[in-house]
Amino acid sequence: MANVRNHLDWLLQVLFITLRLYVRNGLANHAAATAFYFLLSATPLLLLLSYAMQSLAKLAETSVPATILLAALYEHYRLDTLAELGFIPRRAMLGASGIGLVTLLLFSRKLVYAIEKAFAVIFPADEKRSFVVSWTLPLIIIPIAFVLVGVAVILRGALNHLVAVELLGADRALLLNALNLFIVLCTVWTLILFAYWRLPLRHPRFRQAAALALLATLSLYLLFALFDRFFQIDQYRSLYGALGGVVLVLIAAYFAFLAFYLWAQCLYALSKVDVVALEKLFLRTSGLTLSRLEGYVFGRVDRLLEKYGRNYAAGATIIREGDEDQTAYILYAGRVTLFKRNDAGQIALGELGEGELFGEMAYLLGEPRTATVVAKTDVVVLALPPQTLEALMRYSAPLARRIITALCQRLMRMNQASSNTQTGRLGVT
């Protein structure tokens, strides 16, 4: 039961961090910009589609399969309606198609750039992508993505047409449709996985990226199923004409990129959930007040204690001076005493209480332990590996300031203790 509650706490914290960062990063604006560039990138495809349809029509004069495919595309995707609305020109010359291809490549660069800008906000990093990679990636990935998705969509339309005209048996048609849908979803999942895993400069874990890419794929499938159900092309034709179709495509792209960035933000939240929870715990135990919502989401610490907690009895040595270990500790409960060796023996530097951080000097200075820490009472601490402490300091400016302040105070106490010892020795002599 405790494990179930801890998992629910973890899930609630991931959801809270995702939504808070999603709003703070202004990802709705990034989704709008990306949808706009997507529309500009997709528009030249209509010229290429028109030229391809003309070539297919010529081939259909002598080929029965081409005739069936042409009929399937026109019927299932209502290409005649799109032509009447003005989306697809009835005639397109090869030169115009070439211009469309060049335009596609140019706007594809803008589309990938918009996604990279959004990912730079979602997955902050200090590094920069290589100039060559930044300019060549859009010229490769976007055309490949359009081709893969386009081929899958064409195959799906052809299968639906064959079923409609009863050229395939019902059982075989159902199996082929299921297989085609599986191929479409796998294609989209692969493209999203590539974006989630490789586009961030600090690549996330592959398993997490794969899982979130799957959720994003299923979200997009449900989204477009709803659009297909509630936004029929006939309704837009009668109400708004060609402009309504353009608006429909733009709205669909906007919501698609909203979902795409939402799951990307969730992927980042997965890597930061422990860091945020530790920050809230440290600030709360240090006397700072959290908001009511943050108190509810991060109020329970059982999950953190299970993962990072350690118990020490009174008199136990937690840190020994001179050791090479760089683990830092948050004192959750109890009190500890700090000692340091000198020529006169071991002197006490002071005590620490609940909410204090200790043991961080070894990591920050890159040196062995500078003092010994002994439990004065029974204590509970949260042991933080060096990478977790580094992530905490990068993520939380208030926590970083408190760490620096505590470090300065501790160095001052050590200097005072050393000075007092020297004074005492001079007095004796």
Protein backbone atom coordinates (compact mmCIF):
# COMPACT_ATOMS: atom_id res chain seq x y z
CA MET A 1 0.00 0.00 0.00
CA ALA A 2 2.87 2.37 0.81
CA ASN A 3 4.46 1.70 -2.58
CA VAL A 4 1.19 2.49 -4.33
CA ARG A 5 0.91 5.78 -2.43
CA ASN A 6 4.51 6.65 -3.28
CA HIS A 7 3.86 5.98 -6.97
CA LEU A 8 0.76 8.17 -6.85
CA ASP A 9 2.79 10.95 -5.19
CA TRP A 10 5.42 10.61 -7.91
CA LEU A 11 2.77 10.77 -10.65
CA LEU A 12 1.12 13.82 -9.10
CA GLN A 13 4.47 15.58 -8.80
CA VAL A 14 5.35 14.83 -12.44
CA LEU A 15 1.98 16.20 -13.54
CA PHE A 16 2.40 19.34 -11.42
CA ILE A 17 5.91 20.04 -12.73
CA THR A 18 4.83 19.38 -16.32
CA LEU A 19 1.88 21.75 -16.26
CA ARG A 20 3.75 24.47 -14.36
CA LEU A 21 6.68 24.41 -16.77
CA TYR A 22 4.37 24.12 -19.76
CA VAL A 23 2.69 27.39 -18.83
CA ARG A 24 5.88 29.11 -17.68
CA ASN A 25 7.74 28.25 -20.90
CA GLY A 26 4.93 29.62 -23.08
CA LEU A 27 4.71 26.43 -25.11
CA ALA A 28 1.30 27.39 -26.50
CA ASN A 29 3.05 30.22 -28.37
CA HIS A 30 5.73 27.83 -29.61
CA ALA A 31 2.99 25.45 -30.80
CA ALA A 32 1.34 28.28 -32.75
CA ALA A 33 4.62 29.24 -34.44
CA THR A 34 5.42 25.62 -35.27
CA ALA A 35 1.93 25.04 -36.71
CA PHE A 36 2.37 28.10 -38.94
CA TYR A 37 5.67 26.85 -40.32
CA PHE A 38 4.16 23.39 -40.72
CA LEU A 39 1.42 24.88 -42.87
CA LEU A 40 4.00 26.72 -44.97
CA SER A 41 6.02 23.52 -45.31
CA ALA A 42 2.99 21.45 -46.26
CA THR A 43 1.62 23.91 -48.82
CA PRO A 44 4.31 23.23 -51.48
CA LEU A 45 3.39 19.56 -51.21
CA LEU A 46 0.11 20.38 -52.92
CA LEU A 47 1.96 21.35 -56.06
CA LEU A 48 3.96 18.15 -55.89
CA LEU A 49 0.76 16.21 -55.22
CA SER A 50 -0.90 17.78 -58.24
CA TYR A 51 2.00 16.83 -60.49
CA ALA A 52 2.05 13.30 -59.03
CA MET A 53 -1.69 12.94 -59.64
CA GLN A 54 -1.27 14.00 -63.26
CA SER A 55 1.48 11.44 -63.72
CA LEU A 56 -0.66 8.79 -62.07
CA ALA A 57 -3.57 9.69 -64.34
CA LYS A 58 -1.40 9.16 -67.44
CA LEU A 59 -0.18 5.86 -66.03
CA ALA A 60 -3.77 4.82 -65.31
CA GLU A 61 -4.54 4.89 -69.04
CA THR A 62 -2.53 1.70 -69.48
CA SER A 63 -2.39 0.22 -65.95
CA VAL A 64 -5.27 -1.32 -64.01
CA PRO A 65 -3.52 -1.04 -60.56
CA ALA A 66 -2.80 2.63 -61.23
CA THR A 67 -6.47 3.14 -62.15
CA ILE A 68 -7.58 1.51 -58.89
CA LEU A 69 -5.11 3.56 -56.85
CA LEU A 70 -6.18 6.80 -58.54
CA ALA A 71 -9.84 6.07 -57.89
CA ALA A 72 -9.08 5.16 -54.28
CA LEU A 73 -7.24 8.42 -53.64
CA TYR A 74 -9.93 10.56 -55.22
CA GLU A 75 -12.77 8.83 -53.40
CA HIS A 76 -11.29 8.27 -49.96
CA TYR A 77 -9.48 11.61 -49.61
CA ARG A 78 -11.96 13.62 -51.70
CA LEU A 79 -9.29 15.09 -53.94
CA ASP A 80 -11.93 16.35 -56.34
CA THR A 81 -13.44 18.39 -53.50
CA LEU A 82 -10.02 19.73 -52.57
CA ALA A 83 -9.47 20.72 -56.18
CA GLU A 84 -12.82 22.54 -56.26
CA LEU A 85 -11.93 24.35 -53.04
CA GLY A 86 -8.70 25.49 -54.63
CA PHE A 87 -6.29 23.51 -52.47
CA ILE A 88 -4.99 21.40 -55.35
CA PRO A 89 -4.40 23.02 -58.74
CA ARG A 90 -5.95 21.03 -61.57
CA ARG A 91 -2.79 21.38 -63.62
CA ALA A 92 0.77 21.80 -62.46
CA MET A 93 3.86 22.02 -64.60
CA LEU A 94 7.09 20.28 -63.71
CA GLY A 95 8.78 23.67 -63.17
CA ALA A 96 6.16 24.64 -60.61
CA SER A 97 6.69 21.34 -58.84
CA GLY A 98 10.42 22.00 -58.75
CA ILE A 99 9.75 25.40 -57.20
CA GLY A 100 7.45 23.72 -54.71
CA LEU A 101 10.22 21.29 -53.77
CA VAL A 102 12.71 24.12 -53.18
CA THR A 103 10.11 25.99 -51.13
CA LEU A 104 9.44 22.83 -49.13
CA LEU A 105 13.12 22.50 -48.27
CA LEU A 106 13.41 26.17 -47.26
CA PHE A 107 10.37 26.16 -45.01
CA SER A 108 11.38 22.76 -43.61
CA ARG A 109 14.43 24.52 -42.20
CA LYS A 110 12.13 27.02 -40.49
CA LEU A 111 9.92 24.24 -39.17
CA VAL A 112 12.81 22.34 -37.59
CA TYR A 113 14.24 25.61 -36.27
CA ALA A 114 10.91 26.35 -34.54
CA ILE A 115 10.94 22.88 -32.95
CA GLU A 116 14.56 23.31 -31.86
CA LYS A 117 13.74 26.68 -30.27
CA ALA A 118 10.88 25.09 -28.33
CA PHE A 119 13.11 22.18 -27.27
CA ALA A 120 15.79 24.63 -26.11
CA VAL A 121 13.18 26.01 -23.69
CA ILE A 122 11.86 22.59 -22.66
CA PHE A 123 15.31 20.96 -22.32
CA PRO A 124 17.64 23.81 -21.25
CA ALA A 125 21.34 23.20 -21.88
CA ASP A 126 24.52 25.24 -22.13
CA GLU A 127 25.81 23.51 -25.26
CA LYS A 128 25.09 24.52 -28.85
CA ARG A 129 24.37 22.27 -31.80
CA SER A 130 26.91 22.01 -34.60
CA PHE A 131 26.32 24.53 -37.40
CA VAL A 132 26.56 21.84 -40.08
CA VAL A 133 24.11 19.54 -38.30
CA SER A 134 21.73 22.42 -37.62
CA TRP A 135 21.47 23.27 -41.31
CA THR A 136 21.54 19.80 -42.85
CA LEU A 137 19.13 18.08 -40.46
CA PRO A 138 15.96 19.80 -41.80
CA LEU A 139 16.91 19.00 -45.38
CA ILE A 140 16.91 15.32 -44.47
CA ILE A 141 14.39 14.64 -41.74
CA ILE A 142 11.38 16.70 -42.90
CA PRO A 143 11.17 15.34 -46.49
CA ILE A 144 11.67 11.82 -45.13
CA ALA A 145 8.93 12.38 -42.56
CA PHE A 146 6.47 13.69 -45.17
CA VAL A 147 7.27 10.81 -47.53
CA LEU A 148 6.88 8.11 -44.86
CA VAL A 149 3.62 9.48 -43.53
CA GLY A 150 2.36 10.17 -47.06
CA VAL A 151 3.04 6.61 -48.22
CA ALA A 152 1.30 5.19 -45.16
CA VAL A 153 -1.73 7.45 -45.71
CA ILE A 154 -1.93 6.53 -49.40
CA LEU A 155 -1.84 2.82 -48.59
CA ARG A 156 -4.57 3.28 -46.01
CA GLY A 157 -6.76 5.12 -48.52
CA ALA A 158 -6.22 2.45 -51.16
CA LEU A 159 -7.16 -0.33 -48.74
CA ASN A 160 -10.33 1.47 -47.66
CA HIS A 161 -11.33 1.91 -51.30
CA LEU A 162 -10.77 -1.77 -52.07
CA VAL A 163 -12.95 -2.67 -49.12
CA ALA A 164 -15.66 -0.24 -50.23
CA VAL A 165 -15.87 -1.71 -53.74
CA GLU A 166 -15.73 -5.23 -52.30
CA LEU A 167 -12.52 -6.24 -54.04
CA LEU A 168 -11.23 -7.65 -50.77
CA GLY A 169 -12.91 -9.99 -48.32
CA ALA A 170 -14.08 -8.51 -45.05
CA ASP A 171 -11.68 -10.54 -42.90
CA ARG A 172 -8.68 -9.84 -45.11
CA ALA A 173 -9.59 -6.17 -45.37
CA LEU A 174 -9.86 -5.89 -41.57
CA LEU A 175 -6.47 -7.51 -41.14
CA LEU A 176 -4.83 -5.29 -43.77
CA ASN A 177 -6.40 -2.15 -42.32
CA ALA A 178 -5.16 -3.07 -38.85
CA LEU A 179 -1.70 -3.74 -40.26
CA ASN A 180 -1.71 -0.44 -42.14
CA LEU A 181 -2.80 1.49 -39.03
CA PHE A 182 -0.04 -0.23 -37.09
CA ILE A 183 2.51 0.85 -39.72
CA VAL A 184 1.23 4.45 -39.62
CA LEU A 185 1.43 4.58 -35.82
CA CYS A 186 4.90 3.01 -35.83
CA THR A 187 6.06 5.57 -38.39
CA VAL A 188 4.75 8.48 -36.32
CA TRP A 189 6.15 6.95 -33.12
CA THR A 190 9.59 6.60 -34.72
CA LEU A 191 9.61 10.23 -35.84
CA ILE A 192 8.49 11.50 -32.41
CA LEU A 193 11.01 9.25 -30.66
CA PHE A 194 13.77 10.68 -32.82
CA ALA A 195 12.67 14.21 -31.88
CA TYR A 196 12.38 13.46 -28.16
CA TRP A 197 15.61 11.50 -27.91
CA ARG A 198 18.01 13.25 -30.30
CA LEU A 199 16.87 16.87 -30.61
CA PRO A 200 17.55 17.81 -26.95
CA LEU A 201 21.23 18.67 -26.56
CA ARG A 202 21.27 16.63 -23.35
CA HIS A 203 19.69 13.44 -24.55
CA PRO A 204 17.12 11.94 -22.14
CA ARG A 205 16.97 8.26 -21.32
CA PHE A 206 15.93 6.15 -24.28
CA ARG A 207 13.27 4.18 -22.40
CA GLN A 208 11.60 7.31 -21.08
CA ALA A 209 11.75 8.93 -24.52
CA ALA A 210 10.24 5.82 -26.11
CA ALA A 211 7.41 5.66 -23.56
CA LEU A 212 6.54 9.35 -23.89
CA ALA A 213 6.76 9.12 -27.69
CA LEU A 214 4.20 6.31 -27.56
CA LEU A 215 1.85 8.41 -25.42
CA ALA A 216 2.29 11.34 -27.81
CA THR A 217 1.51 9.09 -30.78
CA LEU A 218 -1.68 7.78 -29.19
CA SER A 219 -2.68 11.34 -28.24
CA LEU A 220 -2.24 12.49 -31.85
CA TYR A 221 -4.25 9.53 -33.12
CA LEU A 222 -7.15 10.34 -30.78
CA LEU A 223 -6.89 14.03 -31.65
CA PHE A 224 -7.13 13.47 -35.39
CA ALA A 225 -9.91 10.93 -34.89
CA LEU A 226 -11.89 13.65 -33.11
CA PHE A 227 -11.13 16.16 -35.87
CA ASP A 228 -12.20 13.65 -38.48
CA ARG A 229 -15.47 13.11 -36.64
CA PHE A 230 -16.47 16.66 -35.77
CA PHE A 231 -14.89 18.70 -38.57
CA GLN A 232 -16.09 17.27 -41.86
CA ILE A 233 -14.83 18.86 -45.06
CA ASP A 234 -18.37 19.21 -46.42
CA GLN A 235 -19.38 21.41 -43.50
CA TYR A 236 -16.40 23.68 -44.00
CA ARG A 237 -17.03 23.79 -47.73
CA SER A 238 -20.61 24.96 -47.27
CA LEU A 239 -19.85 27.39 -44.44
CA TYR A 240 -16.42 28.81 -45.08
CA GLY A 241 -15.18 27.63 -48.44
CA ALA A 242 -11.46 27.17 -49.10
CA LEU A 243 -10.46 29.49 -46.25
CA GLY A 244 -12.26 27.24 -43.78
CA GLY A 245 -10.17 24.30 -44.93
CA VAL A 246 -6.96 26.24 -44.37
CA VAL A 247 -8.15 27.24 -40.90
CA LEU A 248 -9.03 23.62 -40.16
CA VAL A 249 -5.55 22.44 -41.10
CA LEU A 250 -3.95 25.19 -39.02
CA ILE A 251 -6.14 24.39 -35.97
CA ALA A 252 -5.37 20.68 -36.27
CA ALA A 253 -1.64 21.37 -36.53
CA TYR A 254 -1.79 23.73 -33.56
CA PHE A 255 -3.45 21.17 -31.28
CA ALA A 256 -1.11 18.47 -32.55
CA PHE A 257 1.95 20.50 -31.59
CA LEU A 258 0.36 21.39 -28.24
CA ALA A 259 0.20 17.66 -27.47
CA PHE A 260 3.67 17.11 -28.94
CA TYR A 261 5.24 19.74 -26.66
CA LEU A 262 3.18 18.69 -23.65
CA TRP A 263 4.63 15.18 -23.67
CA ALA A 264 8.10 16.60 -24.35
CA GLN A 265 7.73 18.77 -21.24
CA CYS A 266 6.58 15.70 -19.33
CA LEU A 267 9.75 13.91 -20.47
CA TYR A 268 11.83 16.70 -18.96
CA ALA A 269 9.72 16.64 -15.77
CA LEU A 270 10.52 12.93 -15.33
CA SER A 271 14.21 13.79 -15.04
CA LYS A 272 13.58 16.64 -12.57
CA VAL A 273 10.86 15.27 -10.30
CA ASP A 274 13.29 14.20 -7.56
CA VAL A 275 15.24 17.46 -7.83
CA VAL A 276 12.10 19.58 -7.44
CA ALA A 277 10.80 17.44 -4.57
CA LEU A 278 14.15 17.70 -2.76
CA GLU A 279 14.19 21.46 -3.31
CA LYS A 280 10.73 21.83 -1.78
CA LEU A 281 11.72 19.65 1.15
CA PHE A 282 14.92 21.62 1.78
CA LEU A 283 13.17 24.98 1.56
CA ARG A 284 10.31 23.84 3.78
CA THR A 285 12.58 22.40 6.47
CA SER A 286 14.63 25.62 6.29
CA GLY A 287 11.62 27.64 7.37
CA LEU A 288 10.33 28.90 4.01
CA THR A 289 6.59 28.62 3.35
CA LEU A 290 5.31 26.85 0.25
CA SER A 291 2.04 27.65 -1.49
CA ARG A 292 -0.99 25.59 -0.53
CA LEU A 293 -0.90 23.66 -3.80
CA GLU A 294 2.84 22.98 -3.51
CA GLY A 295 2.33 21.89 0.08
CA TYR A 296 -0.30 19.39 -1.04
CA VAL A 297 1.74 18.02 -3.95
CA PHE A 298 5.10 17.85 -2.14
CA GLY A 299 3.86 17.49 1.44
CA ARG A 300 4.57 13.79 1.77
CA VAL A 301 8.26 12.84 1.91
CA ASP A 302 7.88 9.07 2.19
CA ARG A 303 8.98 8.56 -1.41
CA LEU A 304 12.12 10.63 -0.91
CA LEU A 305 12.92 8.96 2.41
CA GLU A 306 12.54 5.54 0.80
CA LYS A 307 14.93 6.48 -2.02
CA TYR A 308 17.47 8.74 -0.28
CA GLY A 309 16.84 8.31 3.46
CA ARG A 310 19.36 6.96 5.97
CA ASN A 311 18.97 6.48 9.74
CA TYR A 312 21.78 6.95 12.26
CA ALA A 313 21.70 6.28 16.00
CA ALA A 314 23.03 8.82 18.50
CA GLY A 315 26.85 8.73 18.55
CA ALA A 316 27.18 7.28 15.06
CA THR A 317 29.71 8.87 12.70
CA ILE A 318 28.05 10.06 9.50
CA ILE A 319 31.11 11.72 7.89
CA ARG A 320 34.74 11.12 8.84
CA GLU A 321 37.37 13.79 8.20
CA GLY A 322 39.78 12.84 5.41
CA ASP A 323 37.42 10.45 3.61
CA GLU A 324 37.12 10.77 -0.18
CA ASP A 325 33.32 10.36 -0.29
CA GLN A 326 31.45 13.33 -1.83
CA THR A 327 27.88 12.56 -0.75
CA ALA A 328 25.94 15.55 0.62
CA TYR A 329 23.24 15.26 3.29
CA ILE A 330 20.04 17.06 4.19
CA LEU A 331 19.31 16.71 7.90
CA TYR A 332 15.63 15.76 8.01
CA ALA A 333 15.33 15.00 11.73
CA GLY A 334 17.62 15.21 14.77
CA ARG A 335 20.86 17.08 15.48
CA VAL A 336 24.51 16.49 14.56
CA THR A 337 27.83 17.86 15.83
CA LEU A 338 30.76 18.93 13.65
CA PHE A 339 34.36 18.18 14.75
CA LYS A 340 37.75 19.01 13.28
CA ARG A 341 41.21 17.70 14.13
CA ASN A 342 44.13 19.98 14.93
CA ASP A 343 47.40 19.80 16.84
CA ALA A 344 45.54 20.07 20.15
CA GLY A 345 43.21 17.22 19.32
CA GLN A 346 39.61 17.28 18.11
CA ILE A 347 37.56 20.44 18.58
CA ALA A 348 33.83 21.00 18.13
CA LEU A 349 32.86 23.46 15.41
CA GLY A 350 29.17 23.59 16.27
CA GLU A 351 25.88 21.83 15.78
CA LEU A 352 23.38 21.54 12.93
CA GLY A 353 19.62 21.04 13.21
CA GLU A 354 16.74 20.04 11.01
CA GLY A 355 16.77 21.45 7.48
CA GLU A 356 20.54 22.00 7.41
CA LEU A 357 22.72 20.78 4.54
CA PHE A 358 26.15 19.35 5.30
CA GLY A 359 28.84 17.38 3.52
CA GLU A 360 28.67 19.55 0.40
CA MET A 361 32.17 21.06 0.84
CA ALA A 362 33.92 17.89 -0.35
CA TYR A 363 32.08 18.07 -3.68
CA LEU A 364 32.24 21.85 -4.15
CA LEU A 365 35.95 22.08 -3.26
CA GLY A 366 36.93 18.78 -4.85
CA GLU A 367 38.83 17.77 -1.71
CA PRO A 368 38.57 15.09 1.01
CA ARG A 369 36.24 15.63 3.94
CA THR A 370 37.27 18.66 5.98
CA ALA A 371 35.42 17.73 9.19
CA THR A 372 33.80 14.87 11.06
CA VAL A 373 30.04 14.81 11.57
CA VAL A 374 28.60 12.76 14.45
CA ALA A 375 24.94 12.20 15.28
CA LYS A 376 24.14 13.93 18.57
CA THR A 377 20.65 12.37 18.63
CA ASP A 378 18.95 9.77 16.52
CA VAL A 379 18.91 11.36 13.08
CA VAL A 380 17.34 10.86 9.69
CA VAL A 381 19.21 12.27 6.69
CA LEU A 382 18.69 12.30 2.95
CA ALA A 383 21.91 11.29 1.20
CA LEU A 384 22.41 13.14 -2.09
CA PRO A 385 24.92 11.83 -4.68
CA PRO A 386 27.14 14.50 -6.29
CA GLN A 387 25.13 14.55 -9.52
CA THR A 388 21.92 15.16 -7.58
CA LEU A 389 23.50 18.03 -5.63
CA GLU A 390 24.75 19.55 -8.89
CA ALA A 391 21.27 19.27 -10.41
CA LEU A 392 19.75 20.89 -7.32
CA MET A 393 22.13 23.86 -7.50
CA ARG A 394 21.50 24.30 -11.24
CA TYR A 395 17.74 24.11 -10.84
CA SER A 396 17.13 26.20 -7.72
CA ALA A 397 18.69 29.63 -7.26
CA PRO A 398 17.33 30.01 -3.66
CA LEU A 399 18.81 26.67 -2.70
CA ALA A 400 22.15 27.53 -4.34
CA ARG A 401 22.28 30.78 -2.37
CA ARG A 402 21.58 28.96 0.90
CA ILE A 403 24.30 26.43 0.11
CA ILE A 404 26.83 29.19 -0.58
CA THR A 405 25.80 31.03 2.58
CA ALA A 406 26.12 27.88 4.71
CA LEU A 407 29.48 27.13 3.13
CA CYS A 408 30.79 30.61 3.91
CA GLN A 409 29.55 30.42 7.51
CA ARG A 410 31.15 27.03 7.98
CA LEU A 411 34.49 28.20 6.63
CA MET A 412 34.31 31.22 8.93
CA ARG A 413 33.68 28.97 11.97
CA MET A 414 36.58 26.72 10.98
CA ASN A 415 38.90 29.74 10.65
CA GLN A 416 37.75 31.08 14.01
CA ALA A 417 38.33 27.71 15.65
CA SER A 418 41.80 27.51 14.13
CA SER A 419 42.55 31.08 15.25
CA ASN A 420 41.43 30.38 18.82
CA THR A 421 43.63 27.32 18.94
CA GLN A 422 46.65 29.27 17.75
CA THR A 423 45.94 31.98 20.35
CA GLY A 424 45.70 29.45 23.11
CA ARG A 425 49.03 27.89 22.16
CA LEU A 426 50.76 31.28 22.15
CA GLY A 427 49.32 32.07 25.59
CA VAL A 428 50.65 28.84 27.02
CA THR A 429 54.11 29.44 25.71
